[in-house]
Structure formats: structure tokens, C-alpha cells
Protein backbone atom coordinates (compact mmCIF):
# COMPACT_ATOMS: atom_id res chain seq x y z
CA MET A 1 0.00 0.00 0.00
CA CYS A 2 2.82 2.39 0.84
CA ASP A 3 4.41 1.63 -2.46
CA ILE A 4 1.23 1.75 -4.62
CA GLU A 5 -0.58 4.83 -3.18
CA PRO A 6 2.11 7.38 -4.14
CA LYS A 7 2.14 5.90 -7.64
CA ARG A 8 -1.67 6.26 -7.89
CA GLN A 9 -1.44 9.88 -6.75
CA LEU A 10 1.34 10.48 -9.29
CA LEU A 11 -0.84 8.81 -11.98
CA ALA A 12 -3.83 11.00 -11.07
CA LYS A 13 -1.65 14.10 -11.13
CA SER A 14 -0.18 13.10 -14.52
CA GLU A 15 -3.67 12.42 -15.94
CA ALA A 16 -4.82 15.86 -14.76
CA GLU A 17 -1.78 17.47 -16.41
CA LEU A 18 -2.49 15.47 -19.58
CA GLU A 19 -6.10 16.63 -19.62
CA GLN A 20 -5.03 20.25 -19.12
CA ALA A 21 -2.41 19.93 -21.88
CA THR A 22 -5.02 18.33 -24.18
CA THR A 23 -7.41 21.22 -23.53
CA GLU A 24 -4.67 23.75 -24.27
CA LEU A 25 -3.72 21.82 -27.41
CA ALA A 26 -7.34 21.90 -28.61
CA ALA A 27 -7.48 25.66 -28.00
CA VAL A 28 -4.21 26.18 -29.89
CA GLU A 29 -5.39 23.96 -32.77
CA LEU A 30 -8.63 25.97 -32.94
CA LEU A 31 -6.63 29.19 -33.06
CA VAL A 32 -4.37 27.73 -35.75
CA GLY A 33 -7.45 26.72 -37.76
CA GLU A 34 -8.88 30.25 -37.51
CA LEU A 35 -5.54 31.76 -38.49
CA ASN A 36 -5.26 29.37 -41.47
CA ALA A 37 -8.75 30.40 -42.60
CA LYS A 38 -7.80 34.08 -42.34
CA LEU A 39 -4.55 33.34 -44.17
CA ALA A 40 -6.46 31.62 -46.97
CA ILE A 41 -8.75 34.66 -47.34
CA LEU A 42 -5.79 37.03 -47.35
CA MET A 43 -3.90 34.89 -49.87
CA GLU A 44 -6.98 34.91 -52.14
CA GLN A 45 -7.18 38.70 -51.87
CA TYR A 46 -3.44 38.98 -52.54
CA ASP A 47 -3.70 36.75 -55.61
CA SER A 48 -6.64 38.79 -56.88
CA ALA A 49 -4.78 42.07 -56.34
CA LEU A 50 -1.66 40.64 -57.99
CA LYS A 51 -3.68 39.50 -61.01
CA THR A 52 -5.27 42.95 -61.28
CA LYS A 53 -1.83 44.56 -61.08
CA ASN A 54 -0.37 42.24 -63.71
CA ASP A 55 -3.33 42.90 -66.02
CA ALA A 56 -2.87 46.65 -65.58
CA VAL A 57 0.87 46.39 -66.27
CA ALA A 58 0.24 44.31 -69.40
CA GLU A 59 -2.36 46.79 -70.63
CA ALA A 60 -0.01 49.71 -69.92
CA GLU A 61 2.75 47.98 -71.90
CA LYS A 62 0.34 47.35 -74.78
CA TYR A 63 -0.72 51.00 -74.88
CA SER A 64 2.87 52.14 -74.51
CA THR A 65 3.80 50.08 -77.56
CA LYS A 66 0.86 51.52 -79.51
CA MET A 67 1.84 55.04 -78.47
CA SER A 68 5.42 54.44 -79.56
CA LEU A 69 4.29 53.17 -82.96
CA ALA A 70 1.88 56.10 -83.38
CA THR A 71 4.66 58.56 -82.51
CA ARG A 72 6.99 56.96 -85.03
CA LEU A 73 4.28 57.10 -87.70
CA THR A 74 3.48 60.74 -86.91
CA ASN A 75 7.15 61.69 -87.10
CA ALA A 76 7.56 59.84 -90.39
CA LEU A 77 4.48 61.46 -91.87
CA GLY A 78 5.59 64.85 -90.53
CA ALA A 79 8.79 64.58 -92.56
CA GLU A 80 6.74 63.59 -95.60
CA GLY A 81 4.47 66.59 -95.00
CA GLU A 82 7.44 68.94 -95.32
CA ARG A 83 8.51 67.22 -98.54
CA TRP A 84 4.97 67.40 -99.90
CA ALA A 85 4.73 71.10 -99.04
CA LYS A 86 7.96 71.76 -100.96
CA SER A 87 6.66 69.63 -103.84
CA ILE A 88 3.42 71.65 -103.99
CA ILE A 89 5.38 74.93 -104.14
CA THR A 90 7.54 73.52 -106.94
CA GLN A 91 4.47 72.30 -108.83
CA ASP A 92 2.81 75.73 -108.46
CA GLU A 93 5.91 77.37 -109.93
CA LEU A 94 5.97 74.89 -112.82
CA LEU A 95 2.23 75.39 -113.44
CA GLY A 96 2.92 79.02 -114.36
CA PHE A 97 5.15 77.84 -117.22
CA VAL A 98 2.69 75.30 -118.66
CA CYS A 99 1.03 77.74 -121.09
CA GLY A 100 4.35 78.88 -122.47
CA ASP A 101 5.62 75.28 -122.71
CA VAL A 102 2.49 74.25 -124.62
CA LEU A 103 2.82 77.16 -127.05
CA LEU A 104 6.50 76.36 -127.58
CA ALA A 105 5.73 72.67 -128.18
CA ALA A 106 2.90 73.58 -130.60
CA ALA A 107 5.21 75.93 -132.50
CA PHE A 108 7.87 73.26 -132.68
CA VAL A 109 5.40 70.67 -133.97
CA SER A 110 3.98 72.99 -136.61
């Protein structure tokens, strides 16, 4: 009896500590489950925001490329506009000589 009773008391004390530890473990596991659920929601929001950002960046790059091409075209056509303006002035000057050139050609033919 002297040998068994202290062991029973130690067993009861150990079982009480085990029950307390099990209760604490359940509370911690519940907290971990709640935190994992919050983490899943936050990760979903992060992924959504990241997708929106990537879509916006891709669209900005697309419009930047279009703007670059439009600028190049405008600059190229601007240079052609100067050439065309000079060509029109030259043609206007030559148009003044058409009557004389026609009379000269008609005189030569006759």
C-alpha cells in the first residue's frame, strides 16, 4: 500500500496534467485553424490584387507600344508633309510655265 498509493497519486496528477495539456492543445489547434482560414482569405485577396496589377501592367505595356508606334508614324508622316509642301510649291511654280511650254511645243510641232 505504501508503495502503490504514491504511484496512484502520481498517476492521477499526470492524468490531470495530460487533460489540461489536451485542452490547451485543442485551443491552440482551434486558433491555428482560424488563423489558417484568415490566411487563406488574405492569400486569395493577394492573388486577386496581384492578377489585377499584372493585367494593368500588361495593358499599360500594350498601350505604350501603340503610343510608340503612333509617334513613329506621326514623325515619319511629318517629314513627308514637309517634302509634300515643298513639292506643292515647286508644282505651283511649274504650273505658271505650262502655257508657255504648250505654245512652244505647238510651235515646234507645226
